[in-house]
Amino acid sequence: MEFGSATFGSDGFSSSGTGKLVALLGDSSDHNGHLINTNQDNTLVVEGVPVCVAGCMHYCPIVGHGTQPVTPVTIKSYHNGKLIITYGAMAAAPCNAVIQPPDRHVYVE
């Protein structure tokens, strides 16, 4: 499924700007790290880039933090049974980086 500007959740997609920004492969964090895989089959994409789901991995450049799985903060929006990663999701300890995708006008609840 390919999406441009939209909101995905219990009521489908819209571009109303409500909900949380969707995180895509390569998006950054507050530690200047980035998402390095999606943990999905790459069938859900935005602007040609795969959407990240629960269990995706984040690389942090801070010494001792390394690569950690990301925990979602969404509770309604799934892809193939996995919650979608959004703004505010957090990489596991010891990193604890907050995922901060840019505003592509694609949101989930």
N, C-alpha and C. Protein backbone atom coordinates (compact mmCIF):
# COMPACT_ATOMS: atom_id res chain seq x y z
N MET A 1 0.84 -1.17 0.00
CA MET A 1 0.00 0.00 0.00
C MET A 1 0.88 1.24 0.00
N GLU A 2 0.58 2.17 -0.84
CA GLU A 2 1.34 3.41 -0.95
C GLU A 2 0.46 4.57 -0.49
N PHE A 3 1.00 5.42 0.36
CA PHE A 3 0.24 6.56 0.86
C PHE A 3 1.05 7.83 0.73
N GLY A 4 0.36 8.92 0.48
CA GLY A 4 0.98 10.24 0.47
C GLY A 4 0.67 10.91 1.78
N SER A 5 -0.14 11.94 1.77
CA SER A 5 -0.53 12.65 2.99
C SER A 5 -1.80 12.05 3.54
N ALA A 6 -1.73 11.49 4.76
CA ALA A 6 -2.90 10.80 5.29
C ALA A 6 -2.79 10.53 6.78
N THR A 7 -3.91 10.16 7.38
CA THR A 7 -3.96 9.67 8.75
C THR A 7 -4.50 8.26 8.72
N PHE A 8 -3.86 7.36 9.43
CA PHE A 8 -4.29 5.97 9.46
C PHE A 8 -4.64 5.60 10.89
N GLY A 9 -5.75 4.98 11.07
CA GLY A 9 -6.18 4.54 12.39
C GLY A 9 -7.54 3.90 12.28
N SER A 10 -8.31 4.00 13.33
CA SER A 10 -9.61 3.33 13.36
C SER A 10 -10.56 3.86 12.28
N ASP A 11 -10.38 5.08 11.83
CA ASP A 11 -11.26 5.67 10.82
C ASP A 11 -10.60 5.75 9.45
N GLY A 12 -9.49 5.08 9.23
CA GLY A 12 -8.81 5.12 7.94
C GLY A 12 -7.84 6.29 7.84
N PHE A 13 -7.52 6.68 6.61
CA PHE A 13 -6.55 7.75 6.36
C PHE A 13 -7.24 9.09 6.13
N SER A 14 -6.62 10.16 6.59
CA SER A 14 -7.04 11.52 6.25
C SER A 14 -5.81 12.40 6.35
N SER A 15 -5.89 13.63 5.93
CA SER A 15 -4.75 14.55 6.03
C SER A 15 -5.04 15.66 7.02
N SER A 16 -5.82 15.34 8.05
CA SER A 16 -6.26 16.35 9.00
C SER A 16 -5.16 16.86 9.93
N GLY A 17 -4.04 16.14 10.01
CA GLY A 17 -2.96 16.58 10.89
C GLY A 17 -3.16 16.15 12.32
N THR A 18 -4.09 15.25 12.59
CA THR A 18 -4.27 14.74 13.93
C THR A 18 -3.51 13.43 14.07
N GLY A 19 -3.22 13.05 15.28
CA GLY A 19 -2.47 11.82 15.52
C GLY A 19 -0.99 12.09 15.60
N LYS A 20 -0.19 11.03 15.42
CA LYS A 20 1.26 11.12 15.52
C LYS A 20 1.90 10.90 14.15
N LEU A 21 3.00 11.59 13.91
CA LEU A 21 3.73 11.45 12.65
C LEU A 21 4.29 10.04 12.50
N VAL A 22 4.14 9.47 11.32
CA VAL A 22 4.63 8.13 11.01
C VAL A 22 6.14 8.16 10.79
N ALA A 23 6.84 7.13 11.33
CA ALA A 23 8.29 7.02 11.15
C ALA A 23 8.61 6.07 10.01
N LEU A 24 9.55 6.48 9.18
CA LEU A 24 9.98 5.69 8.03
C LEU A 24 11.44 5.28 8.17
N LEU A 25 11.82 4.29 7.38
CA LEU A 25 13.21 3.84 7.35
C LEU A 25 14.13 5.04 7.13
N GLY A 26 15.16 5.18 7.98
CA GLY A 26 16.12 6.27 7.85
C GLY A 26 15.80 7.49 8.68
N ASP A 27 14.59 7.57 9.26
CA ASP A 27 14.25 8.74 10.08
C ASP A 27 15.15 8.82 11.30
N SER A 28 15.28 10.03 11.85
CA SER A 28 16.24 10.28 12.91
C SER A 28 15.62 10.32 14.30
N SER A 29 16.52 10.45 15.27
CA SER A 29 16.13 10.52 16.68
C SER A 29 16.79 11.72 17.33
N ASP A 30 16.45 11.96 18.59
CA ASP A 30 17.05 13.08 19.32
C ASP A 30 18.50 12.82 19.70
N HIS A 31 19.03 11.63 19.43
CA HIS A 31 20.44 11.32 19.66
C HIS A 31 21.25 11.37 18.36
N ASN A 32 20.64 11.88 17.29
CA ASN A 32 21.25 11.92 15.96
C ASN A 32 21.47 10.53 15.38
N GLY A 33 20.72 9.56 15.88
CA GLY A 33 20.74 8.22 15.30
C GLY A 33 19.65 8.13 14.25
N HIS A 34 19.42 6.90 13.75
CA HIS A 34 18.39 6.73 12.72
C HIS A 34 17.84 5.31 12.73
N LEU A 35 16.68 5.14 12.14
CA LEU A 35 16.03 3.84 12.02
C LEU A 35 16.70 3.07 10.89
N ILE A 36 17.18 1.86 11.19
CA ILE A 36 17.99 1.13 10.21
C ILE A 36 17.27 -0.06 9.58
N ASN A 37 16.11 -0.44 10.09
CA ASN A 37 15.28 -1.43 9.41
C ASN A 37 13.82 -1.18 9.79
N THR A 38 12.90 -1.85 9.12
CA THR A 38 11.48 -1.56 9.31
C THR A 38 10.73 -2.62 10.11
N ASN A 39 11.24 -3.85 10.16
CA ASN A 39 10.59 -4.99 10.80
C ASN A 39 9.24 -5.31 10.14
N GLN A 40 9.11 -5.02 8.87
CA GLN A 40 7.92 -5.41 8.11
C GLN A 40 8.36 -5.81 6.71
N ASP A 41 7.42 -6.33 5.93
CA ASP A 41 7.74 -6.85 4.61
C ASP A 41 7.79 -5.77 3.52
N ASN A 42 7.82 -4.51 3.94
CA ASN A 42 7.92 -3.36 3.04
C ASN A 42 6.73 -3.21 2.11
N THR A 43 5.56 -3.70 2.56
CA THR A 43 4.34 -3.53 1.78
C THR A 43 3.59 -2.27 2.17
N LEU A 44 3.96 -1.63 3.28
CA LEU A 44 3.36 -0.35 3.68
C LEU A 44 4.44 0.71 3.53
N VAL A 45 4.24 1.62 2.56
CA VAL A 45 5.23 2.66 2.27
C VAL A 45 4.57 4.02 2.18
N VAL A 46 5.36 5.05 2.44
CA VAL A 46 4.94 6.44 2.29
C VAL A 46 5.97 7.11 1.41
N GLU A 47 5.53 7.73 0.34
CA GLU A 47 6.43 8.40 -0.59
C GLU A 47 7.57 7.48 -1.03
N GLY A 48 7.27 6.19 -1.19
CA GLY A 48 8.26 5.23 -1.66
C GLY A 48 9.18 4.66 -0.61
N VAL A 49 9.03 5.06 0.66
CA VAL A 49 9.90 4.61 1.74
C VAL A 49 9.09 3.76 2.71
N PRO A 50 9.62 2.60 3.14
CA PRO A 50 8.88 1.72 4.04
C PRO A 50 8.63 2.36 5.42
N VAL A 51 7.44 2.08 5.96
CA VAL A 51 7.04 2.52 7.30
C VAL A 51 7.64 1.55 8.32
N CYS A 52 8.09 2.07 9.46
CA CYS A 52 8.65 1.23 10.53
C CYS A 52 7.53 0.76 11.46
N VAL A 53 7.67 -0.48 11.94
CA VAL A 53 6.71 -1.05 12.88
C VAL A 53 7.45 -1.58 14.10
N ALA A 54 6.68 -1.95 15.13
CA ALA A 54 7.25 -2.45 16.39
C ALA A 54 8.33 -3.49 16.12
N GLY A 55 9.45 -3.33 16.80
CA GLY A 55 10.56 -4.24 16.64
C GLY A 55 11.60 -3.78 15.65
N CYS A 56 11.33 -2.66 14.96
CA CYS A 56 12.36 -2.12 14.07
C CYS A 56 13.56 -1.71 14.91
N MET A 57 14.67 -1.46 14.26
CA MET A 57 15.90 -1.16 14.98
C MET A 57 16.37 0.27 14.74
N HIS A 58 16.96 0.83 15.79
CA HIS A 58 17.50 2.20 15.79
C HIS A 58 18.99 2.12 16.08
N TYR A 59 19.79 2.81 15.28
CA TYR A 59 21.22 2.91 15.54
C TYR A 59 21.50 4.25 16.18
N CYS A 60 22.22 4.23 17.31
CA CYS A 60 22.60 5.45 18.01
C CYS A 60 24.11 5.61 17.95
N PRO A 61 24.61 6.81 17.53
CA PRO A 61 26.05 7.02 17.43
C PRO A 61 26.74 7.29 18.77
N ILE A 62 25.98 7.47 19.83
CA ILE A 62 26.60 7.74 21.14
C ILE A 62 27.29 6.47 21.64
N VAL A 63 28.53 6.60 22.08
CA VAL A 63 29.32 5.46 22.55
C VAL A 63 28.56 4.72 23.65
N GLY A 64 28.45 3.41 23.50
CA GLY A 64 27.78 2.58 24.49
C GLY A 64 26.30 2.37 24.24
N HIS A 65 25.72 3.11 23.31
CA HIS A 65 24.29 2.97 23.03
C HIS A 65 24.01 1.93 21.94
N GLY A 66 24.71 1.98 20.84
CA GLY A 66 24.61 0.98 19.80
C GLY A 66 23.25 0.87 19.12
N THR A 67 22.88 -0.35 18.76
CA THR A 67 21.65 -0.63 18.03
C THR A 67 20.64 -1.27 18.97
N GLN A 68 19.44 -0.69 19.01
CA GLN A 68 18.40 -1.15 19.93
C GLN A 68 17.05 -1.21 19.24
N PRO A 69 16.13 -2.12 19.68
CA PRO A 69 14.78 -2.14 19.14
C PRO A 69 13.98 -0.92 19.59
N VAL A 70 12.97 -0.58 18.81
CA VAL A 70 12.13 0.59 19.09
C VAL A 70 10.75 0.14 19.60
N THR A 71 10.29 0.78 20.66
CA THR A 71 8.98 0.49 21.25
C THR A 71 7.99 1.54 20.78
N PRO A 72 6.83 1.12 20.22
CA PRO A 72 5.84 2.08 19.73
C PRO A 72 5.09 2.77 20.85
N VAL A 73 4.51 3.92 20.52
CA VAL A 73 3.63 4.63 21.45
C VAL A 73 2.19 4.68 20.93
N THR A 74 1.97 4.18 19.72
CA THR A 74 0.62 4.11 19.18
C THR A 74 -0.11 2.92 19.80
N ILE A 75 -1.45 2.99 19.79
CA ILE A 75 -2.22 1.88 20.34
C ILE A 75 -3.32 1.41 19.39
N LYS A 76 -3.54 2.11 18.28
CA LYS A 76 -4.63 1.78 17.37
C LYS A 76 -4.19 1.37 15.98
N SER A 77 -3.01 1.73 15.56
CA SER A 77 -2.62 1.58 14.15
C SER A 77 -1.59 0.48 13.97
N TYR A 78 -2.00 -0.56 13.23
CA TYR A 78 -1.19 -1.75 13.00
C TYR A 78 -0.93 -1.96 11.52
N HIS A 79 0.16 -2.66 11.25
CA HIS A 79 0.39 -3.20 9.91
C HIS A 79 0.82 -4.64 10.10
N ASN A 80 0.07 -5.56 9.53
CA ASN A 80 0.35 -6.99 9.67
C ASN A 80 0.54 -7.40 11.13
N GLY A 81 -0.31 -6.87 12.01
CA GLY A 81 -0.30 -7.25 13.42
C GLY A 81 0.74 -6.55 14.29
N LYS A 82 1.49 -5.60 13.73
CA LYS A 82 2.52 -4.88 14.49
C LYS A 82 2.17 -3.41 14.54
N LEU A 83 2.31 -2.80 15.73
CA LEU A 83 2.03 -1.37 15.86
C LEU A 83 3.00 -0.54 15.03
N ILE A 84 2.48 0.53 14.44
CA ILE A 84 3.29 1.43 13.62
C ILE A 84 4.11 2.36 14.51
N ILE A 85 5.36 2.58 14.14
CA ILE A 85 6.27 3.47 14.88
C ILE A 85 5.97 4.92 14.47
N THR A 86 5.92 5.80 15.47
CA THR A 86 5.59 7.21 15.26
C THR A 86 6.52 8.11 16.07
N TYR A 87 6.29 9.42 15.91
CA TYR A 87 6.99 10.41 16.73
C TYR A 87 6.77 10.04 18.20
N GLY A 88 7.84 10.06 18.97
CA GLY A 88 7.74 9.78 20.40
C GLY A 88 8.06 8.35 20.78
N ALA A 89 8.12 7.45 19.79
CA ALA A 89 8.54 6.08 20.08
C ALA A 89 9.97 6.13 20.61
N MET A 90 10.34 5.11 21.39
CA MET A 90 11.64 5.17 22.06
C MET A 90 12.46 3.91 21.83
N ALA A 91 13.75 4.14 21.55
CA ALA A 91 14.69 3.03 21.46
C ALA A 91 14.93 2.49 22.87
N ALA A 92 15.21 1.20 22.96
CA ALA A 92 15.42 0.54 24.25
C ALA A 92 16.68 1.06 24.95
N ALA A 93 16.75 0.80 26.26
CA ALA A 93 17.91 1.15 27.06
C ALA A 93 19.13 0.37 26.55
N PRO A 94 20.32 0.88 26.66
CA PRO A 94 20.69 2.10 27.37
C PRO A 94 20.51 3.38 26.55
N CYS A 95 20.05 3.26 25.33
CA CYS A 95 19.96 4.43 24.45
C CYS A 95 18.83 5.38 24.85
N ASN A 96 17.60 4.88 24.87
CA ASN A 96 16.41 5.68 25.21
C ASN A 96 16.22 6.90 24.31
N ALA A 97 16.66 6.80 23.07
CA ALA A 97 16.48 7.90 22.11
C ALA A 97 15.02 7.99 21.70
N VAL A 98 14.53 9.21 21.47
CA VAL A 98 13.16 9.45 21.02
C VAL A 98 13.17 9.62 19.50
N ILE A 99 12.30 8.85 18.82
CA ILE A 99 12.21 8.93 17.37
C ILE A 99 11.50 10.22 16.98
N GLN A 100 12.08 10.95 16.01
CA GLN A 100 11.56 12.26 15.60
C GLN A 100 11.48 12.37 14.08
N PRO A 101 10.45 11.74 13.48
CA PRO A 101 10.32 11.83 12.02
C PRO A 101 9.93 13.24 11.58
N PRO A 102 10.30 13.62 10.35
CA PRO A 102 9.88 14.93 9.83
C PRO A 102 8.38 14.90 9.51
N ASP A 103 7.79 16.07 9.35
CA ASP A 103 6.36 16.15 9.07
C ASP A 103 6.11 15.96 7.58
N ARG A 104 5.67 14.74 7.23
CA ARG A 104 5.30 14.42 5.85
C ARG A 104 3.79 14.50 5.67
N HIS A 105 3.09 14.95 6.70
CA HIS A 105 1.63 15.03 6.70
C HIS A 105 1.00 13.65 6.62
N VAL A 106 1.66 12.66 7.25
CA VAL A 106 1.11 11.30 7.36
C VAL A 106 1.09 10.96 8.85
N TYR A 107 -0.09 10.70 9.37
CA TYR A 107 -0.30 10.52 10.80
C TYR A 107 -1.05 9.22 11.09
N VAL A 108 -0.85 8.68 12.30
CA VAL A 108 -1.65 7.56 12.78
C VAL A 108 -2.15 7.87 14.18
N GLU A 109 -3.20 7.19 14.56
CA GLU A 109 -3.77 7.37 15.90
C GLU A 109 -3.16 6.36 16.85
